[in-house]
């Protein structure tokens, strides 16, 4: 089971939080990410 949340600011900065719960190990892994884009 995984959950992903993305938000974007008016200054082209995107934040992303994602997590996954493995069915076999029941462990939870995830990451916190920030992205800046200058098109």
ModelCIF file with pLDDT and N, C-alpha, C, O atoms, coordinates in Angstrom:
data_MODEL
#
_entry.id   MODEL 
#
_entity.id                         1 
_entity.type                       polymer 
_entity.pdbx_number_of_molecules   1 
#
_entity_poly.entity_id                      1 
_entity_poly.type                           'polypeptide(L)' 
_entity_poly.nstd_linkage                   no 
_entity_poly.nstd_monomer                   no 
_entity_poly.pdbx_seq_one_letter_code       
;(UNK)(UNK)(UNK)(UNK)(UNK)(UNK)(UNK)(UNK)(UNK)(UNK)(UNK)(UNK)(UNK)(UNK)(UNK)(UNK)
(UNK)(UNK)(UNK)(UNK)(UNK)(UNK)(UNK)(UNK)(UNK)(UNK)(UNK)(UNK)(UNK)(UNK)(UNK)(UNK)
(UNK)(UNK)(UNK)(UNK)(UNK)(UNK)(UNK)
;
_entity_poly.pdbx_seq_one_letter_code_can   XXXXXXXXXXXXXXXXXXXXXXXXXXXXXXXXXXXXXXX 
_entity_poly.pdbx_strand_id                 A 
#
loop_
_entity_poly_seq.entity_id 
_entity_poly_seq.num 
_entity_poly_seq.mon_id 
_entity_poly_seq.hetero 
1 1  UNK n 
1 2  UNK n 
1 3  UNK n 
1 4  UNK n 
1 5  UNK n 
1 6  UNK n 
1 7  UNK n 
1 8  UNK n 
1 9  UNK n 
1 10 UNK n 
1 11 UNK n 
1 12 UNK n 
1 13 UNK n 
1 14 UNK n 
1 15 UNK n 
1 16 UNK n 
1 17 UNK n 
1 18 UNK n 
1 19 UNK n 
1 20 UNK n 
1 21 UNK n 
1 22 UNK n 
1 23 UNK n 
1 24 UNK n 
1 25 UNK n 
1 26 UNK n 
1 27 UNK n 
1 28 UNK n 
1 29 UNK n 
1 30 UNK n 
1 31 UNK n 
1 32 UNK n 
1 33 UNK n 
1 34 UNK n 
1 35 UNK n 
1 36 UNK n 
1 37 UNK n 
1 38 UNK n 
1 39 UNK n 
#
_struct_asym.id          A 
_struct_asym.entity_id   1 
#
loop_
_ma_qa_metric.id 
_ma_qa_metric.mode 
_ma_qa_metric.name 
_ma_qa_metric.software_group_id 
_ma_qa_metric.type 
1 global pLDDT . pLDDT 
2 local  pLDDT . pLDDT 
#
_ma_qa_metric_global.metric_id      1 
_ma_qa_metric_global.metric_value   94.41 
_ma_qa_metric_global.model_id       1 
_ma_qa_metric_global.ordinal_id     1 
#
loop_
_ma_qa_metric_local.label_asym_id 
_ma_qa_metric_local.label_comp_id 
_ma_qa_metric_local.label_seq_id 
_ma_qa_metric_local.metric_id 
_ma_qa_metric_local.metric_value 
_ma_qa_metric_local.model_id 
_ma_qa_metric_local.ordinal_id 
A UNK 1  2 94.00 1 1  
A UNK 2  2 96.00 1 2  
A UNK 3  2 96.00 1 3  
A UNK 4  2 97.00 1 4  
A UNK 5  2 97.00 1 5  
A UNK 6  2 97.00 1 6  
A UNK 7  2 96.00 1 7  
A UNK 8  2 95.00 1 8  
A UNK 9  2 95.00 1 9  
A UNK 10 2 93.00 1 10 
A UNK 11 2 92.00 1 11 
A UNK 12 2 91.00 1 12 
A UNK 13 2 96.00 1 13 
A UNK 14 2 97.00 1 14 
A UNK 15 2 97.00 1 15 
A UNK 16 2 97.00 1 16 
A UNK 17 2 97.00 1 17 
A UNK 18 2 97.00 1 18 
A UNK 19 2 96.00 1 19 
A UNK 20 2 95.00 1 20 
A UNK 21 2 94.00 1 21 
A UNK 22 2 90.00 1 22 
A UNK 23 2 85.00 1 23 
A UNK 24 2 85.00 1 24 
A UNK 25 2 87.00 1 25 
A UNK 26 2 87.00 1 26 
A UNK 27 2 92.00 1 27 
A UNK 28 2 93.00 1 28 
A UNK 29 2 95.00 1 29 
A UNK 30 2 96.00 1 30 
A UNK 31 2 97.00 1 31 
A UNK 32 2 97.00 1 32 
A UNK 33 2 98.00 1 33 
A UNK 34 2 98.00 1 34 
A UNK 35 2 97.00 1 35 
A UNK 36 2 97.00 1 36 
A UNK 37 2 96.00 1 37 
A UNK 38 2 95.00 1 38 
A UNK 39 2 92.00 1 39 
#
loop_
_atom_site.group_PDB 
_atom_site.id 
_atom_site.type_symbol 
_atom_site.label_atom_id 
_atom_site.label_alt_id 
_atom_site.label_comp_id 
_atom_site.label_asym_id 
_atom_site.label_entity_id 
_atom_site.label_seq_id 
_atom_site.pdbx_PDB_ins_code 
_atom_site.Cartn_x 
_atom_site.Cartn_y 
_atom_site.Cartn_z 
_atom_site.occupancy 
_atom_site.B_iso_or_equiv 
_atom_site.pdbx_formal_charge 
_atom_site.auth_seq_id 
_atom_site.auth_comp_id 
_atom_site.auth_asym_id 
_atom_site.auth_atom_id 
_atom_site.pdbx_PDB_model_num 
ATOM 1   N N  . UNK A 1 1  ? 0.851  -1.186 0.000   1.00 94.00 ? 1  UNK A N  1 
ATOM 2   C CA . UNK A 1 1  ? 0.000  0.000  0.000   1.00 94.00 ? 1  UNK A CA 1 
ATOM 3   C C  . UNK A 1 1  ? 0.885  1.233  0.000   1.00 94.00 ? 1  UNK A C  1 
ATOM 4   O O  . UNK A 1 1  ? 1.787  1.362  0.828   1.00 94.00 ? 1  UNK A O  1 
ATOM 5   N N  . UNK A 1 2  ? 0.627  2.127  -0.920  1.00 96.00 ? 2  UNK A N  1 
ATOM 6   C CA . UNK A 1 2  ? 1.469  3.307  -1.036  1.00 96.00 ? 2  UNK A CA 1 
ATOM 7   C C  . UNK A 1 2  ? 0.633  4.577  -1.034  1.00 96.00 ? 2  UNK A C  1 
ATOM 8   O O  . UNK A 1 2  ? -0.528 4.583  -1.444  1.00 96.00 ? 2  UNK A O  1 
ATOM 9   N N  . UNK A 1 3  ? 1.244  5.633  -0.569  1.00 96.00 ? 3  UNK A N  1 
ATOM 10  C CA . UNK A 1 3  ? 0.610  6.940  -0.502  1.00 96.00 ? 3  UNK A CA 1 
ATOM 11  C C  . UNK A 1 3  ? 1.581  7.978  -1.040  1.00 96.00 ? 3  UNK A C  1 
ATOM 12  O O  . UNK A 1 3  ? 2.752  7.995  -0.660  1.00 96.00 ? 3  UNK A O  1 
ATOM 13  N N  . UNK A 1 4  ? 1.097  8.845  -1.927  1.00 97.00 ? 4  UNK A N  1 
ATOM 14  C CA . UNK A 1 4  ? 1.934  9.887  -2.516  1.00 97.00 ? 4  UNK A CA 1 
ATOM 15  C C  . UNK A 1 4  ? 1.185  11.215 -2.464  1.00 97.00 ? 4  UNK A C  1 
ATOM 16  O O  . UNK A 1 4  ? 0.025  11.305 -2.866  1.00 97.00 ? 4  UNK A O  1 
ATOM 17  N N  . UNK A 1 5  ? 1.866  12.242 -1.964  1.00 97.00 ? 5  UNK A N  1 
ATOM 18  C CA . UNK A 1 5  ? 1.282  13.574 -1.857  1.00 97.00 ? 5  UNK A CA 1 
ATOM 19  C C  . UNK A 1 5  ? 2.215  14.564 -2.539  1.00 97.00 ? 5  UNK A C  1 
ATOM 20  O O  . UNK A 1 5  ? 3.406  14.621 -2.234  1.00 97.00 ? 5  UNK A O  1 
ATOM 21  N N  . UNK A 1 6  ? 1.660  15.352 -3.475  1.00 97.00 ? 6  UNK A N  1 
ATOM 22  C CA . UNK A 1 6  ? 2.425  16.360 -4.210  1.00 97.00 ? 6  UNK A CA 1 
ATOM 23  C C  . UNK A 1 6  ? 1.757  17.720 -4.057  1.00 97.00 ? 6  UNK A C  1 
ATOM 24  O O  . UNK A 1 6  ? 0.535  17.847 -4.127  1.00 97.00 ? 6  UNK A O  1 
ATOM 25  N N  . UNK A 1 7  ? 2.594  18.729 -3.847  1.00 96.00 ? 7  UNK A N  1 
ATOM 26  C CA . UNK A 1 7  ? 2.104  20.113 -3.838  1.00 96.00 ? 7  UNK A CA 1 
ATOM 27  C C  . UNK A 1 7  ? 3.071  20.972 -4.636  1.00 96.00 ? 7  UNK A C  1 
ATOM 28  O O  . UNK A 1 7  ? 4.268  20.692 -4.691  1.00 96.00 ? 7  UNK A O  1 
ATOM 29  N N  . UNK A 1 8  ? 2.539  22.023 -5.253  1.00 95.00 ? 8  UNK A N  1 
ATOM 30  C CA . UNK A 1 8  ? 3.362  22.899 -6.084  1.00 95.00 ? 8  UNK A CA 1 
ATOM 31  C C  . UNK A 1 8  ? 3.104  24.349 -5.723  1.00 95.00 ? 8  UNK A C  1 
ATOM 32  O O  . UNK A 1 8  ? 1.957  24.769 -5.568  1.00 95.00 ? 8  UNK A O  1 
ATOM 33  N N  . UNK A 1 9  ? 4.195  25.119 -5.588  1.00 95.00 ? 9  UNK A N  1 
ATOM 34  C CA . UNK A 1 9  ? 4.088  26.524 -5.237  1.00 95.00 ? 9  UNK A CA 1 
ATOM 35  C C  . UNK A 1 9  ? 4.061  27.376 -6.507  1.00 95.00 ? 9  UNK A C  1 
ATOM 36  O O  . UNK A 1 9  ? 4.422  26.889 -7.579  1.00 95.00 ? 9  UNK A O  1 
ATOM 37  N N  . UNK A 1 10 ? 3.643  28.630 -6.406  1.00 93.00 ? 10 UNK A N  1 
ATOM 38  C CA . UNK A 1 10 ? 3.640  29.518 -7.582  1.00 93.00 ? 10 UNK A CA 1 
ATOM 39  C C  . UNK A 1 10 ? 5.028  29.774 -8.150  1.00 93.00 ? 10 UNK A C  1 
ATOM 40  O O  . UNK A 1 10 ? 5.149  30.201 -9.299  1.00 93.00 ? 10 UNK A O  1 
ATOM 41  N N  . UNK A 1 11 ? 6.092  29.520 -7.365  1.00 92.00 ? 11 UNK A N  1 
ATOM 42  C CA . UNK A 1 11 ? 7.459  29.763 -7.835  1.00 92.00 ? 11 UNK A CA 1 
ATOM 43  C C  . UNK A 1 11 ? 8.103  28.517 -8.425  1.00 92.00 ? 11 UNK A C  1 
ATOM 44  O O  . UNK A 1 11 ? 9.328  28.410 -8.466  1.00 92.00 ? 11 UNK A O  1 
ATOM 45  N N  . UNK A 1 12 ? 7.264  27.551 -8.892  1.00 91.00 ? 12 UNK A N  1 
ATOM 46  C CA . UNK A 1 12 ? 7.741  26.336 -9.574  1.00 91.00 ? 12 UNK A CA 1 
ATOM 47  C C  . UNK A 1 12 ? 8.540  25.402 -8.674  1.00 91.00 ? 12 UNK A C  1 
ATOM 48  O O  . UNK A 1 12 ? 9.415  24.680 -9.152  1.00 91.00 ? 12 UNK A O  1 
ATOM 49  N N  . UNK A 1 13 ? 8.250  25.409 -7.390  1.00 96.00 ? 13 UNK A N  1 
ATOM 50  C CA . UNK A 1 13 ? 8.851  24.454 -6.457  1.00 96.00 ? 13 UNK A CA 1 
ATOM 51  C C  . UNK A 1 13 ? 7.800  23.400 -6.124  1.00 96.00 ? 13 UNK A C  1 
ATOM 52  O O  . UNK A 1 13 ? 6.692  23.727 -5.699  1.00 96.00 ? 13 UNK A O  1 
ATOM 53  N N  . UNK A 1 14 ? 8.157  22.139 -6.320  1.00 97.00 ? 14 UNK A N  1 
ATOM 54  C CA . UNK A 1 14 ? 7.246  21.030 -6.060  1.00 97.00 ? 14 UNK A CA 1 
ATOM 55  C C  . UNK A 1 14 ? 7.753  20.208 -4.893  1.00 97.00 ? 14 UNK A C  1 
ATOM 56  O O  . UNK A 1 14 ? 8.929  19.845 -4.843  1.00 97.00 ? 14 UNK A O  1 
ATOM 57  N N  . UNK A 1 15 ? 6.869  19.914 -3.957  1.00 97.00 ? 15 UNK A N  1 
ATOM 58  C CA . UNK A 1 15 ? 7.198  19.049 -2.825  1.00 97.00 ? 15 UNK A CA 1 
ATOM 59  C C  . UNK A 1 15 ? 6.441  17.738 -2.973  1.00 97.00 ? 15 UNK A C  1 
ATOM 60  O O  . UNK A 1 15 ? 5.278  17.709 -3.375  1.00 97.00 ? 15 UNK A O  1 
ATOM 61  N N  . UNK A 1 16 ? 7.135  16.656 -2.638  1.00 97.00 ? 16 UNK A N  1 
ATOM 62  C CA . UNK A 1 16 ? 6.537  15.329 -2.780  1.00 97.00 ? 16 UNK A CA 1 
ATOM 63  C C  . UNK A 1 16 ? 6.909  14.467 -1.577  1.00 97.00 ? 16 UNK A C  1 
ATOM 64  O O  . UNK A 1 16 ? 8.074  14.395 -1.186  1.00 97.00 ? 16 UNK A O  1 
ATOM 65  N N  . UNK A 1 17 ? 5.907  13.817 -1.000  1.00 97.00 ? 17 UNK A N  1 
ATOM 66  C CA . UNK A 1 17 ? 6.117  12.854 0.083   1.00 97.00 ? 17 UNK A CA 1 
ATOM 67  C C  . UNK A 1 17 ? 5.495  11.538 -0.356  1.00 97.00 ? 17 UNK A C  1 
ATOM 68  O O  . UNK A 1 17 ? 4.335  11.506 -0.767  1.00 97.00 ? 17 UNK A O  1 
ATOM 69  N N  . UNK A 1 18 ? 6.258  10.449 -0.272  1.00 97.00 ? 18 UNK A N  1 
ATOM 70  C CA . UNK A 1 18 ? 5.757  9.148  -0.711  1.00 97.00 ? 18 UNK A CA 1 
ATOM 71  C C  . UNK A 1 18 ? 6.178  8.074  0.280   1.00 97.00 ? 18 UNK A C  1 
ATOM 72  O O  . UNK A 1 18 ? 7.278  8.120  0.831   1.00 97.00 ? 18 UNK A O  1 
ATOM 73  N N  . UNK A 1 19 ? 5.302  7.115  0.498   1.00 96.00 ? 19 UNK A N  1 
ATOM 74  C CA . UNK A 1 19 ? 5.600  6.005  1.388   1.00 96.00 ? 19 UNK A CA 1 
ATOM 75  C C  . UNK A 1 19 ? 4.925  4.739  0.912   1.00 96.00 ? 19 UNK A C  1 
ATOM 76  O O  . UNK A 1 19 ? 3.850  4.785  0.314   1.00 96.00 ? 19 UNK A O  1 
ATOM 77  N N  . UNK A 1 20 ? 5.563  3.592  1.182   1.00 95.00 ? 20 UNK A N  1 
ATOM 78  C CA . UNK A 1 20 ? 5.033  2.296  0.769   1.00 95.00 ? 20 UNK A CA 1 
ATOM 79  C C  . UNK A 1 20 ? 5.178  1.297  1.900   1.00 95.00 ? 20 UNK A C  1 
ATOM 80  O O  . UNK A 1 20 ? 6.238  1.194  2.516   1.00 95.00 ? 20 UNK A O  1 
ATOM 81  N N  . UNK A 1 21 ? 4.116  0.567  2.170   1.00 94.00 ? 21 UNK A N  1 
ATOM 82  C CA . UNK A 1 21 ? 4.145  -0.519 3.161   1.00 94.00 ? 21 UNK A CA 1 
ATOM 83  C C  . UNK A 1 21 ? 4.199  -1.837 2.418   1.00 94.00 ? 21 UNK A C  1 
ATOM 84  O O  . UNK A 1 21 ? 3.273  -2.179 1.682   1.00 94.00 ? 21 UNK A O  1 
ATOM 85  N N  . UNK A 1 22 ? 5.291  -2.585 2.608   1.00 90.00 ? 22 UNK A N  1 
ATOM 86  C CA . UNK A 1 22 ? 5.501  -3.847 1.903   1.00 90.00 ? 22 UNK A CA 1 
ATOM 87  C C  . UNK A 1 22 ? 4.627  -4.940 2.506   1.00 90.00 ? 22 UNK A C  1 
ATOM 88  O O  . UNK A 1 22 ? 4.539  -5.074 3.727   1.00 90.00 ? 22 UNK A O  1 
ATOM 89  N N  . UNK A 1 23 ? 3.982  -5.720 1.639   1.00 85.00 ? 23 UNK A N  1 
ATOM 90  C CA . UNK A 1 23 ? 3.091  -6.774 2.118   1.00 85.00 ? 23 UNK A CA 1 
ATOM 91  C C  . UNK A 1 23 ? 3.825  -7.942 2.764   1.00 85.00 ? 23 UNK A C  1 
ATOM 92  O O  . UNK A 1 23 ? 3.263  -8.621 3.623   1.00 85.00 ? 23 UNK A O  1 
ATOM 93  N N  . UNK A 1 24 ? 5.073  -8.186 2.366   1.00 85.00 ? 24 UNK A N  1 
ATOM 94  C CA . UNK A 1 24 ? 5.813  -9.329 2.896   1.00 85.00 ? 24 UNK A CA 1 
ATOM 95  C C  . UNK A 1 24 ? 6.483  -9.001 4.221   1.00 85.00 ? 24 UNK A C  1 
ATOM 96  O O  . UNK A 1 24 ? 6.335  -9.741 5.193   1.00 85.00 ? 24 UNK A O  1 
ATOM 97  N N  . UNK A 1 25 ? 7.213  -7.908 4.265   1.00 87.00 ? 25 UNK A N  1 
ATOM 98  C CA . UNK A 1 25 ? 7.979  -7.568 5.471   1.00 87.00 ? 25 UNK A CA 1 
ATOM 99  C C  . UNK A 1 25 ? 7.209  -6.655 6.415   1.00 87.00 ? 25 UNK A C  1 
ATOM 100 O O  . UNK A 1 25 ? 7.584  -6.499 7.577   1.00 87.00 ? 25 UNK A O  1 
ATOM 101 N N  . UNK A 1 26 ? 6.125  -6.047 5.913   1.00 87.00 ? 26 UNK A N  1 
ATOM 102 C CA . UNK A 1 26 ? 5.336  -5.070 6.662   1.00 87.00 ? 26 UNK A CA 1 
ATOM 103 C C  . UNK A 1 26 ? 6.144  -3.823 7.021   1.00 87.00 ? 26 UNK A C  1 
ATOM 104 O O  . UNK A 1 26 ? 5.711  -3.006 7.834   1.00 87.00 ? 26 UNK A O  1 
ATOM 105 N N  . UNK A 1 27 ? 7.309  -3.686 6.415   1.00 92.00 ? 27 UNK A N  1 
ATOM 106 C CA . UNK A 1 27 ? 8.122  -2.496 6.634   1.00 92.00 ? 27 UNK A CA 1 
ATOM 107 C C  . UNK A 1 27 ? 7.624  -1.339 5.783   1.00 92.00 ? 27 UNK A C  1 
ATOM 108 O O  . UNK A 1 27 ? 7.024  -1.541 4.727   1.00 92.00 ? 27 UNK A O  1 
ATOM 109 N N  . UNK A 1 28 ? 7.877  -0.131 6.254   1.00 93.00 ? 28 UNK A N  1 
ATOM 110 C CA . UNK A 1 28 ? 7.450  1.070  5.548   1.00 93.00 ? 28 UNK A CA 1 
ATOM 111 C C  . UNK A 1 28 ? 8.680  1.835  5.075   1.00 93.00 ? 28 UNK A C  1 
ATOM 112 O O  . UNK A 1 28 ? 9.571  2.143  5.866   1.00 93.00 ? 28 UNK A O  1 
ATOM 113 N N  . UNK A 1 29 ? 8.722  2.138  3.790   1.00 95.00 ? 29 UNK A N  1 
ATOM 114 C CA . UNK A 1 29 ? 9.813  2.924  3.211   1.00 95.00 ? 29 UNK A CA 1 
ATOM 115 C C  . UNK A 1 29 ? 9.209  4.133  2.517   1.00 95.00 ? 29 UNK A C  1 
ATOM 116 O O  . UNK A 1 29 ? 8.064  4.104  2.067   1.00 95.00 ? 29 UNK A O  1 
ATOM 117 N N  . UNK A 1 30 ? 9.990  5.184  2.438   1.00 96.00 ? 30 UNK A N  1 
ATOM 118 C CA . UNK A 1 30 ? 9.469  6.380  1.801   1.00 96.00 ? 30 UNK A CA 1 
ATOM 119 C C  . UNK A 1 30 ? 10.554 7.398  1.546   1.00 96.00 ? 30 UNK A C  1 
ATOM 120 O O  . UNK A 1 30 ? 11.728 7.159  1.829   1.00 96.00 ? 30 UNK A O  1 
ATOM 121 N N  . UNK A 1 31 ? 10.157 8.530  1.011   1.00 97.00 ? 31 UNK A N  1 
ATOM 122 C CA . UNK A 1 31 ? 11.109 9.603  0.760   1.00 97.00 ? 31 UNK A CA 1 
ATOM 123 C C  . UNK A 1 31 ? 10.404 10.952 0.771   1.00 97.00 ? 31 UNK A C  1 
ATOM 124 O O  . UNK A 1 31 ? 9.199  11.055 0.541   1.00 97.00 ? 31 UNK A O  1 
ATOM 125 N N  . UNK A 1 32 ? 11.185 11.962 1.042   1.00 97.00 ? 32 UNK A N  1 
ATOM 126 C CA . UNK A 1 32 ? 10.750 13.350 1.012   1.00 97.00 ? 32 UNK A CA 1 
ATOM 127 C C  . UNK A 1 32 ? 11.542 14.042 -0.074  1.00 97.00 ? 32 UNK A C  1 
ATOM 128 O O  . UNK A 1 32 ? 12.772 13.988 -0.075  1.00 97.00 ? 32 UNK A O  1 
ATOM 129 N N  . UNK A 1 33 ? 10.853 14.695 -1.004  1.00 98.00 ? 33 UNK A N  1 
ATOM 130 C CA . UNK A 1 33 ? 11.514 15.244 -2.191  1.00 98.00 ? 33 UNK A CA 1 
ATOM 131 C C  . UNK A 1 33 ? 11.078 16.676 -2.449  1.00 98.00 ? 33 UNK A C  1 
ATOM 132 O O  . UNK A 1 33 ? 9.912  17.036 -2.285  1.00 98.00 ? 33 UNK A O  1 
ATOM 133 N N  . UNK A 1 34 ? 12.047 17.478 -2.855  1.00 98.00 ? 34 UNK A N  1 
ATOM 134 C CA . UNK A 1 34 ? 11.778 18.832 -3.282  1.00 98.00 ? 34 UNK A CA 1 
ATOM 135 C C  . UNK A 1 34 ? 12.360 19.050 -4.664  1.00 98.00 ? 34 UNK A C  1 
ATOM 136 O O  . UNK A 1 34 ? 13.479 18.619 -4.942  1.00 98.00 ? 34 UNK A O  1 
ATOM 137 N N  . UNK A 1 35 ? 11.605 19.721 -5.543  1.00 97.00 ? 35 UNK A N  1 
ATOM 138 C CA . UNK A 1 35 ? 12.055 19.933 -6.922  1.00 97.00 ? 35 UNK A CA 1 
ATOM 139 C C  . UNK A 1 35 ? 11.816 21.384 -7.331  1.00 97.00 ? 35 UNK A C  1 
ATOM 140 O O  . UNK A 1 35 ? 10.742 21.948 -7.119  1.00 97.00 ? 35 UNK A O  1 
ATOM 141 N N  . UNK A 1 36 ? 12.848 21.960 -7.922  1.00 97.00 ? 36 UNK A N  1 
ATOM 142 C CA . UNK A 1 36 ? 12.727 23.315 -8.456  1.00 97.00 ? 36 UNK A CA 1 
ATOM 143 C C  . UNK A 1 36 ? 12.931 23.267 -9.962  1.00 97.00 ? 36 UNK A C  1 
ATOM 144 O O  . UNK A 1 36 ? 13.899 22.678 -10.445 1.00 97.00 ? 36 UNK A O  1 
ATOM 145 N N  . UNK A 1 37 ? 12.022 23.885 -10.700 1.00 96.00 ? 37 UNK A N  1 
ATOM 146 C CA . UNK A 1 37 ? 12.097 23.881 -12.160 1.00 96.00 ? 37 UNK A CA 1 
ATOM 147 C C  . UNK A 1 37 ? 12.155 25.313 -12.678 1.00 96.00 ? 37 UNK A C  1 
ATOM 148 O O  . UNK A 1 37 ? 11.399 26.183 -12.246 1.00 96.00 ? 37 UNK A O  1 
ATOM 149 N N  . UNK A 1 38 ? 13.073 25.532 -13.615 1.00 95.00 ? 38 UNK A N  1 
ATOM 150 C CA . UNK A 1 38 ? 13.203 26.818 -14.296 1.00 95.00 ? 38 UNK A CA 1 
ATOM 151 C C  . UNK A 1 38 ? 13.034 26.555 -15.786 1.00 95.00 ? 38 UNK A C  1 
ATOM 152 O O  . UNK A 1 38 ? 14.026 26.409 -16.500 1.00 95.00 ? 38 UNK A O  1 
ATOM 153 N N  . UNK A 1 39 ? 11.786 26.491 -16.271 1.00 92.00 ? 39 UNK A N  1 
ATOM 154 C CA . UNK A 1 39 ? 11.547 26.131 -17.677 1.00 92.00 ? 39 UNK A CA 1 
ATOM 155 C C  . UNK A 1 39 ? 12.216 27.074 -18.665 1.00 92.00 ? 39 UNK A C  1 
ATOM 156 O O  . UNK A 1 39 ? 12.095 26.887 -19.876 1.00 92.00 ? 39 UNK A O  1 
#
